[in-house]
């Protein structure tokens, strides 16, 4: 009986939860600022994609964008 827990499966569940939480914290610390290197390129690509989508809507559906 550890900490008043008699069933080893319940104790395993608690220990597993704590280990998974620690793993998530370590992963978060290691990957804290990754992925921001190409953010500017992704934004430019998204703007280009959005413009192309609007052009396709105008051509196919005859929708006119009030912004542009």
PDB file of N, CA and C in Angstrom:
ATOM      1  N   UNK A   1       0.847  -1.175   0.000  1.00  0.00           N
ATOM      2  CA  UNK A   1       0.000   0.000   0.000  1.00  0.00           C
ATOM      3  C   UNK A   1       0.896   1.242   0.000  1.00  0.00           C
ATOM      4  N   UNK A   2       0.893   1.948  -1.128  1.00  0.00           N
ATOM      5  CA  UNK A   2       1.701   3.148  -1.286  1.00  0.00           C
ATOM      6  C   UNK A   2       0.779   4.351  -1.309  1.00  0.00           C
ATOM      7  N   UNK A   3       0.987   5.284  -0.413  1.00  0.00           N
ATOM      8  CA  UNK A   3       0.174   6.502  -0.325  1.00  0.00           C
ATOM      9  C   UNK A   3      -1.315   6.189  -0.199  1.00  0.00           C
ATOM     10  N   UNK A   4      -1.655   5.091   0.385  1.00  0.00           N
ATOM     11  CA  UNK A   4      -3.045   4.718   0.584  1.00  0.00           C
ATOM     12  C   UNK A   4      -3.713   4.112  -0.640  1.00  0.00           C
ATOM     13  N   UNK A   5      -2.923   3.823  -1.682  1.00  0.00           N
ATOM     14  CA  UNK A   5      -3.467   3.244  -2.907  1.00  0.00           C
ATOM     15  C   UNK A   5      -3.156   1.756  -2.887  1.00  0.00           C
ATOM     16  N   UNK A   6      -4.192   0.944  -2.838  1.00  0.00           N
ATOM     17  CA  UNK A   6      -4.009  -0.499  -2.732  1.00  0.00           C
ATOM     18  C   UNK A   6      -3.850  -1.179  -4.083  1.00  0.00           C
ATOM     19  N   UNK A   7      -4.505  -0.691  -5.112  1.00  0.00           N
ATOM     20  CA  UNK A   7      -4.494  -1.329  -6.434  1.00  0.00           C
ATOM     21  C   UNK A   7      -3.264  -0.872  -7.223  1.00  0.00           C
ATOM     22  N   UNK A   8      -2.434  -1.790  -7.700  1.00  0.00           N
ATOM     23  CA  UNK A   8      -1.235  -1.398  -8.454  1.00  0.00           C
ATOM     24  C   UNK A   8      -1.578  -0.731  -9.802  1.00  0.00           C
ATOM     25  N   UNK A   9      -2.735  -1.031 -10.381  1.00  0.00           N
ATOM     26  CA  UNK A   9      -3.127  -0.405 -11.649  1.00  0.00           C
ATOM     27  C   UNK A   9      -3.456   1.076 -11.450  1.00  0.00           C
ATOM     28  N   UNK A  10      -4.060   1.396 -10.335  1.00  0.00           N
ATOM     29  CA  UNK A  10      -4.354   2.803 -10.041  1.00  0.00           C
ATOM     30  C   UNK A  10      -3.052   3.550  -9.797  1.00  0.00           C
ATOM     31  N   UNK A  11      -2.150   2.952  -9.042  1.00  0.00           N
ATOM     32  CA  UNK A  11      -0.844   3.564  -8.802  1.00  0.00           C
ATOM     33  C   UNK A  11      -0.097   3.749 -10.129  1.00  0.00           C
ATOM     34  N   UNK A  12      -0.177   2.750 -11.005  1.00  0.00           N
ATOM     35  CA  UNK A  12       0.456   2.858 -12.323  1.00  0.00           C
ATOM     36  C   UNK A  12      -0.139   3.988 -13.155  1.00  0.00           C
ATOM     37  N   UNK A  13      -1.446   4.174 -13.024  1.00  0.00           N
ATOM     38  CA  UNK A  13      -2.105   5.275 -13.741  1.00  0.00           C
ATOM     39  C   UNK A  13      -1.613   6.629 -13.263  1.00  0.00           C
ATOM     40  N   UNK A  14      -1.467   6.784 -11.961  1.00  0.00           N
ATOM     41  CA  UNK A  14      -0.954   8.051 -11.411  1.00  0.00           C
ATOM     42  C   UNK A  14       0.489   8.287 -11.840  1.00  0.00           C
ATOM     43  N   UNK A  15       1.325   7.267 -11.732  1.00  0.00           N
ATOM     44  CA  UNK A  15       2.728   7.403 -12.121  1.00  0.00           C
ATOM     45  C   UNK A  15       2.838   7.681 -13.618  1.00  0.00           C
ATOM     46  N   UNK A  16       2.026   6.993 -14.416  1.00  0.00           N
ATOM     47  CA  UNK A  16       2.027   7.224 -15.859  1.00  0.00           C
ATOM     48  C   UNK A  16       1.615   8.646 -16.215  1.00  0.00           C
ATOM     49  N   UNK A  17       0.623   9.171 -15.534  1.00  0.00           N
ATOM     50  CA  UNK A  17       0.175  10.542 -15.784  1.00  0.00           C
ATOM     51  C   UNK A  17       1.278  11.542 -15.473  1.00  0.00           C
ATOM     52  N   UNK A  18       1.967  11.321 -14.375  1.00  0.00           N
ATOM     53  CA  UNK A  18       3.054  12.224 -14.001  1.00  0.00           C
ATOM     54  C   UNK A  18       4.197  12.139 -15.009  1.00  0.00           C
ATOM     55  N   UNK A  19       4.537  10.925 -15.452  1.00  0.00           N
ATOM     56  CA  UNK A  19       5.608  10.769 -16.437  1.00  0.00           C
ATOM     57  C   UNK A  19       5.251  11.413 -17.776  1.00  0.00           C
ATOM     58  N   UNK A  20       4.015  11.270 -18.199  1.00  0.00           N
ATOM     59  CA  UNK A  20       3.581  11.892 -19.456  1.00  0.00           C
ATOM     60  C   UNK A  20       3.613  13.416 -19.337  1.00  0.00           C
ATOM     61  N   UNK A  21       3.205  13.940 -18.189  1.00  0.00           N
ATOM     62  CA  UNK A  21       3.252  15.381 -17.975  1.00  0.00           C
ATOM     63  C   UNK A  21       4.688  15.882 -18.042  1.00  0.00           C
ATOM     64  N   UNK A  22       5.624  15.172 -17.415  1.00  0.00           N
ATOM     65  CA  UNK A  22       7.029  15.566 -17.463  1.00  0.00           C
ATOM     66  C   UNK A  22       7.576  15.491 -18.887  1.00  0.00           C
ATOM     67  N   UNK A  23       7.185  14.467 -19.623  1.00  0.00           N
ATOM     68  CA  UNK A  23       7.604  14.345 -21.018  1.00  0.00           C
ATOM     69  C   UNK A  23       7.102  15.529 -21.842  1.00  0.00           C
ATOM     70  N   UNK A  24       5.872  15.937 -21.624  1.00  0.00           N
ATOM     71  CA  UNK A  24       5.311  17.082 -22.348  1.00  0.00           C
ATOM     72  C   UNK A  24       6.046  18.375 -22.005  1.00  0.00           C
ATOM     73  N   UNK A  25       6.395  18.553 -20.764  1.00  0.00           N
ATOM     74  CA  UNK A  25       7.130  19.750 -20.345  1.00  0.00           C
ATOM     75  C   UNK A  25       8.504  19.781 -20.998  1.00  0.00           C
ATOM     76  N   UNK A  26       9.204  18.655 -20.990  1.00  0.00           N
ATOM     77  CA  UNK A  26      10.529  18.582 -21.613  1.00  0.00           C
ATOM     78  C   UNK A  26      10.418  18.840 -23.111  1.00  0.00           C
ATOM     79  N   UNK A  27       9.443  18.253 -23.769  1.00  0.00           N
ATOM     80  CA  UNK A  27       9.240  18.473 -25.203  1.00  0.00           C
ATOM     81  C   UNK A  27       8.959  19.951 -25.484  1.00  0.00           C
ATOM     82  N   UNK A  28       8.145  20.574 -24.653  1.00  0.00           N
ATOM     83  CA  UNK A  28       7.839  21.988 -24.827  1.00  0.00           C
ATOM     84  C   UNK A  28       9.059  22.873 -24.659  1.00  0.00           C
ATOM     85  N   UNK A  29       9.897  22.554 -23.702  1.00  0.00           N
ATOM     86  CA  UNK A  29      11.117  23.337 -23.480  1.00  0.00           C
ATOM     87  C   UNK A  29      12.071  23.181 -24.659  1.00  0.00           C
ATOM     88  N   UNK A  30      12.222  21.965 -25.158  1.00  0.00           N
ATOM     89  CA  UNK A  30      13.138  21.718 -26.278  1.00  0.00           C
ATOM     90  C   UNK A  30      12.654  22.425 -27.543  1.00  0.00           C
ATOM     91  N   UNK A  31      11.356  22.414 -27.802  1.00  0.00           N
ATOM     92  CA  UNK A  31      10.802  22.967 -29.046  1.00  0.00           C
ATOM     93  C   UNK A  31      10.160  24.333 -28.854  1.00  0.00           C
ATOM     94  N   UNK A  32      10.591  25.093 -27.885  1.00  0.00           N
ATOM     95  CA  UNK A  32       9.941  26.348 -27.497  1.00  0.00           C
ATOM     96  C   UNK A  32       9.794  27.316 -28.668  1.00  0.00           C
ATOM     97  N   UNK A  33      10.856  27.635 -29.367  1.00  0.00           N
ATOM     98  CA  UNK A  33      10.808  28.654 -30.419  1.00  0.00           C
ATOM     99  C   UNK A  33      11.029  28.089 -31.813  1.00  0.00           C
ATOM    100  N   UNK A  34      10.841  26.829 -31.999  1.00  0.00           N
ATOM    101  CA  UNK A  34      11.013  26.244 -33.329  1.00  0.00           C
ATOM    102  C   UNK A  34       9.787  26.524 -34.181  1.00  0.00           C
ATOM    103  N   UNK A  35       9.997  26.632 -35.478  1.00  0.00           N
ATOM    104  CA  UNK A  35       8.894  26.805 -36.407  1.00  0.00           C
ATOM    105  C   UNK A  35       8.671  28.237 -36.825  1.00  0.00           C
ATOM    106  N   UNK A  36       9.325  29.188 -36.194  1.00  0.00           N
ATOM    107  CA  UNK A  36       9.146  30.587 -36.545  1.00  0.00           C
ATOM    108  C   UNK A  36      10.113  31.070 -37.604  1.00  0.00           C
ATOM    109  N   UNK A  37      11.018  30.202 -38.058  1.00  0.00           N
ATOM    110  CA  UNK A  37      12.037  30.614 -39.005  1.00  0.00           C
ATOM    111  C   UNK A  37      11.451  30.995 -40.361  1.00  0.00           C
ATOM    112  N   UNK A  38      10.451  30.264 -40.815  1.00  0.00           N
ATOM    113  CA  UNK A  38       9.883  30.502 -42.141  1.00  0.00           C
ATOM    114  C   UNK A  38       8.480  31.096 -42.060  1.00  0.00           C
ATOM    115  N   UNK A  39       8.174  31.752 -40.967  1.00  0.00           N
ATOM    116  CA  UNK A  39       6.833  32.309 -40.784  1.00  0.00           C
ATOM    117  C   UNK A  39       6.531  33.392 -41.806  1.00  0.00           C
ATOM    118  N   UNK A  40       7.520  34.240 -42.110  1.00  0.00           N
ATOM    119  CA  UNK A  40       7.298  35.317 -43.081  1.00  0.00           C
ATOM    120  C   UNK A  40       6.985  34.739 -44.462  1.00  0.00           C
ATOM    121  N   UNK A  41       7.682  33.685 -44.835  1.00  0.00           N
ATOM    122  CA  UNK A  41       7.429  33.034 -46.123  1.00  0.00           C
ATOM    123  C   UNK A  41       6.031  32.423 -46.158  1.00  0.00           C
ATOM    124  N   UNK A  42       5.604  31.824 -45.064  1.00  0.00           N
ATOM    125  CA  UNK A  42       4.275  31.230 -44.996  1.00  0.00           C
ATOM    126  C   UNK A  42       3.189  32.298 -45.113  1.00  0.00           C
ATOM    127  N   UNK A  43       3.401  33.450 -44.504  1.00  0.00           N
ATOM    128  CA  UNK A  43       2.417  34.530 -44.593  1.00  0.00           C
ATOM    129  C   UNK A  43       2.305  35.025 -46.034  1.00  0.00           C
ATOM    130  N   UNK A  44       3.449  35.198 -46.705  1.00  0.00           N
ATOM    131  CA  UNK A  44       3.421  35.640 -48.100  1.00  0.00           C
ATOM    132  C   UNK A  44       2.701  34.627 -48.991  1.00  0.00           C
ATOM    133  N   UNK A  45       2.970  33.345 -48.742  1.00  0.00           N
ATOM    134  CA  UNK A  45       2.316  32.297 -49.530  1.00  0.00           C
ATOM    135  C   UNK A  45       0.811  32.281 -49.276  1.00  0.00           C
ATOM    136  N   UNK A  46       0.408  32.506 -48.036  1.00  0.00           N
ATOM    137  CA  UNK A  46      -1.019  32.528 -47.724  1.00  0.00           C
ATOM    138  C   UNK A  46      -1.720  33.713 -48.378  1.00  0.00           C
ATOM    139  N   UNK A  47      -1.068  34.866 -48.406  1.00  0.00           N
ATOM    140  CA  UNK A  47      -1.648  36.046 -49.062  1.00  0.00           C
ATOM    141  C   UNK A  47      -1.795  35.785 -50.554  1.00  0.00           C
ATOM    142  N   UNK A  48      -0.772  35.182 -51.156  1.00  0.00           N
ATOM    143  CA  UNK A  48      -0.820  34.865 -52.586  1.00  0.00           C
ATOM    144  C   UNK A  48      -1.953  33.884 -52.877  1.00  0.00           C
ATOM    145  N   UNK A  49      -2.089  32.868 -52.013  1.00  0.00           N
ATOM    146  CA  UNK A  49      -3.153  31.880 -52.179  1.00  0.00           C
ATOM    147  C   UNK A  49      -4.527  32.540 -52.049  1.00  0.00           C
ATOM    148  N   UNK A  50      -4.673  33.462 -51.098  1.00  0.00           N
ATOM    149  CA  UNK A  50      -5.950  34.137 -50.885  1.00  0.00           C
ATOM    150  C   UNK A  50      -6.319  34.982 -52.105  1.00  0.00           C
ATOM    151  N   UNK A  51      -5.346  35.679 -52.677  1.00  0.00           N
ATOM    152  CA  UNK A  51      -5.615  36.483 -53.876  1.00  0.00           C
ATOM    153  C   UNK A  51      -6.053  35.598 -55.037  1.00  0.00           C
ATOM    154  N   UNK A  52      -5.383  34.458 -55.192  1.00  0.00           N
ATOM    155  CA  UNK A  52      -5.737  33.536 -56.276  1.00  0.00           C
ATOM    156  C   UNK A  52      -7.146  32.978 -56.070  1.00  0.00           C
ATOM    157  N   UNK A  53      -7.502  32.690 -54.821  1.00  0.00           N
ATOM    158  CA  UNK A  53      -8.836  32.183 -54.511  1.00  0.00           C
ATOM    159  C   UNK A  53      -9.906  33.222 -54.859  1.00  0.00           C
ATOM    160  N   UNK A  54      -9.645  34.481 -54.512  1.00  0.00           N
ATOM    161  CA  UNK A  54     -10.604  35.546 -54.835  1.00  0.00           C
ATOM    162  C   UNK A  54     -10.775  35.688 -56.347  1.00  0.00           C
ATOM    163  N   UNK A  55      -9.666  35.586 -57.095  1.00  0.00           N
ATOM    164  CA  UNK A  55      -9.750  35.674 -58.555  1.00  0.00           C
ATOM    165  C   UNK A  55     -10.606  34.543 -59.116  1.00  0.00           C
ATOM    166  N   UNK A  56     -10.426  33.350 -58.576  1.00  0.00           N
ATOM    167  CA  UNK A  56     -11.205  32.208 -59.053  1.00  0.00           C
ATOM    168  C   UNK A  56     -12.686  32.393 -58.737  1.00  0.00           C
ATOM    169  N   UNK A  57     -13.009  32.938 -57.568  1.00  0.00           N
ATOM    170  CA  UNK A  57     -14.408  33.191 -57.218  1.00  0.00           C
ATOM    171  C   UNK A  57     -15.020  34.197 -58.170  1.00  0.00           C
ATOM    172  N   UNK A  58     -14.277  35.247 -58.479  1.00  0.00           N
ATOM    173  CA  UNK A  58     -14.790  36.273 -59.385  1.00  0.00           C
ATOM    174  C   UNK A  58     -15.038  35.701 -60.779  1.00  0.00           C
ATOM    175  N   UNK A  59     -14.126  34.866 -61.258  1.00  0.00           N
ATOM    176  CA  UNK A  59     -14.267  34.298 -62.593  1.00  0.00           C
ATOM    177  C   UNK A  59     -15.415  33.295 -62.682  1.00  0.00           C
ATOM    178  N   UNK A  60     -15.495  32.417 -61.700  1.00  0.00           N
ATOM    179  CA  UNK A  60     -16.471  31.330 -61.770  1.00  0.00           C
ATOM    180  C   UNK A  60     -17.861  31.729 -61.309  1.00  0.00           C
ATOM    181  N   UNK A  61     -17.956  32.550 -60.287  1.00  0.00           N
ATOM    182  CA  UNK A  61     -19.261  32.853 -59.711  1.00  0.00           C
ATOM    183  C   UNK A  61     -19.731  34.281 -59.971  1.00  0.00           C
ATOM    184  N   UNK A  62     -18.862  35.084 -60.494  1.00  0.00           N
ATOM    185  CA  UNK A  62     -19.226  36.469 -60.742  1.00  0.00           C
ATOM    186  C   UNK A  62     -19.327  37.268 -59.463  1.00  0.00           C
ATOM    187  N   UNK A  63     -18.604  36.859 -58.444  1.00  0.00           N
ATOM    188  CA  UNK A  63     -18.613  37.575 -57.145  1.00  0.00           C
ATOM    189  C   UNK A  63     -17.559  38.663 -57.198  1.00  0.00           C
ATOM    190  N   UNK A  64     -17.957  39.855 -56.795  1.00  0.00           N
ATOM    191  CA  UNK A  64     -17.019  40.978 -56.761  1.00  0.00           C
ATOM    192  C   UNK A  64     -16.672  41.276 -55.315  1.00  0.00           C
ATOM    193  N   UNK A  65     -15.391  41.339 -55.042  1.00  0.00           N
ATOM    194  CA  UNK A  65     -14.890  41.619 -53.702  1.00  0.00           C
ATOM    195  C   UNK A  65     -14.992  43.111 -53.439  1.00  0.00           C
ATOM    196  N   UNK A  66     -15.644  43.484 -52.335  1.00  0.00           N
ATOM    197  CA  UNK A  66     -15.824  44.890 -52.004  1.00  0.00           C
ATOM    198  C   UNK A  66     -14.520  45.540 -51.562  1.00  0.00           C
ATOM    199  N   UNK A  67     -13.554  44.745 -51.062  1.00  0.00           N
ATOM    200  CA  UNK A  67     -12.297  45.306 -50.592  1.00  0.00           C
ATOM    201  C   UNK A  67     -11.379  45.708 -51.752  1.00  0.00           C
ATOM    202  N   UNK A  68     -11.378  44.962 -52.820  1.00  0.00           N
ATOM    203  CA  UNK A  68     -10.415  45.218 -53.896  1.00  0.00           C
ATOM    204  C   UNK A  68     -11.087  45.488 -55.137  1.00  0.00           C
TER     205      UNK A  68
END
